[in-house]
Amino acid sequence: MVSRGSLDGLSGATVLVTGASGLVGTYLLACLGAVNDVSGPLKIHAQSVSDLPSHLGPILARARAQHLRADLASFQDYERLPTADVIIHAAGYAQPLRFMTNPAATLQVASAATLALLQRVRPGGHFSFLSSAQVYTGLGDVLCHESMVGTTTPDHPRASYIEGKRAGEAACHAFRARNLHATAARLGDVYGPGTRPHDKRALNSFIEQALTTGEVRLLDSGAALRSYGYVADAVEMLFNVLLRGRETVYNVGGQSLTTIRDLASSIGGLTKSPVHAGPPSAGVAGAPDVLRLDLTRYASEFGLPRYRELSSGLEATIDWQRGLYNS
């Protein structure tokens, strides 16, 4: 659970959350609903490009949030965005197969939409852009600090996503120079209950395979190394950065370091499903071999959350997805 201290300073604010139907957006809205219960009242706008999934209905009702359907890949829809005291820009294509097949929209949501949203923050307000650890792609096996950036070129298979996130971060720096409290969170691999069916990110895909086919098949050998973080822990970190971060850019994520193969094996063990590795040369184009985040900057200001163990988080995520595929 997100601590109440992480949410201090929100009472009475008008808040806009983009990407409300995503995993992180869902948890952000749930936390804002808790503020309404305790401190309130907030005026909350929840943006999504499509209709909201059914599980968000009770969350929006508790938060007394107004749903705004708008396409942030469309310049025409920017004029419909409200002004707010706090804006959290969590919209974007987080699944590699989606952002690689929608490169123009991916760029626009991260760059042009970020600029449009920054101009809708009221004086003295707060803005948070959800960037990605993918900006470190190309650095190899290093502990990635916020002072670093990757070595990919604009023709990289994931360039639309990576360059878009860099542009969004640059926009935060530019508006922070105008005395707006703008921050960017380089989000690592986040997981947990709350995803939609057929999410193609590795962890969710493995669970879907296990529940629907009784086995898990990897695209490659699974040698890539990742740090996974439970969504509730990541959202607590995001609120601290949003409201109190002294720097512009922060790494945000977990410390459950695992190879993709070991992750698949853990899911296979919890679901009693055999795991089959693929050939070493396969996989998703442009995926980094290693992504490890240096969390020193965040920890020095706020301390690290009491991270949920990967095994426990996987059990909760599997239980959620059983409801998606066994209903």
Foldseek 3Di string as FASTA:
>chain_A
DFDVVLVPPQAPWEEEEEPCQAPLNLLLLQVLLVCCVPRDDYAYEYEDQDDHDPVSVVSCVSNVYHYDHAQQLDPVRLVVDAAIQEYELPDADPALVVCLVVLSSRLRSLAVSLLSNLVRHDPPGWYEYEAALCQQFAVAPDADDPVDGHDDDCVASNNSRNVSSVNNLVSQVVVVVVVYHAAYEHEFAEDFFNHAPPRPDLLNQLLVCCLPVVAGEEQAQQQAKGFAAYSNQQSSLRSCSGPPNPDRYAYTGHGQIDTSQVSSVLSCVVSVGYYHHHHHVTDDGSDGRYRHYDHVSSCVVPNGDPTDHPSVRSVRRSVNVCVNPVD
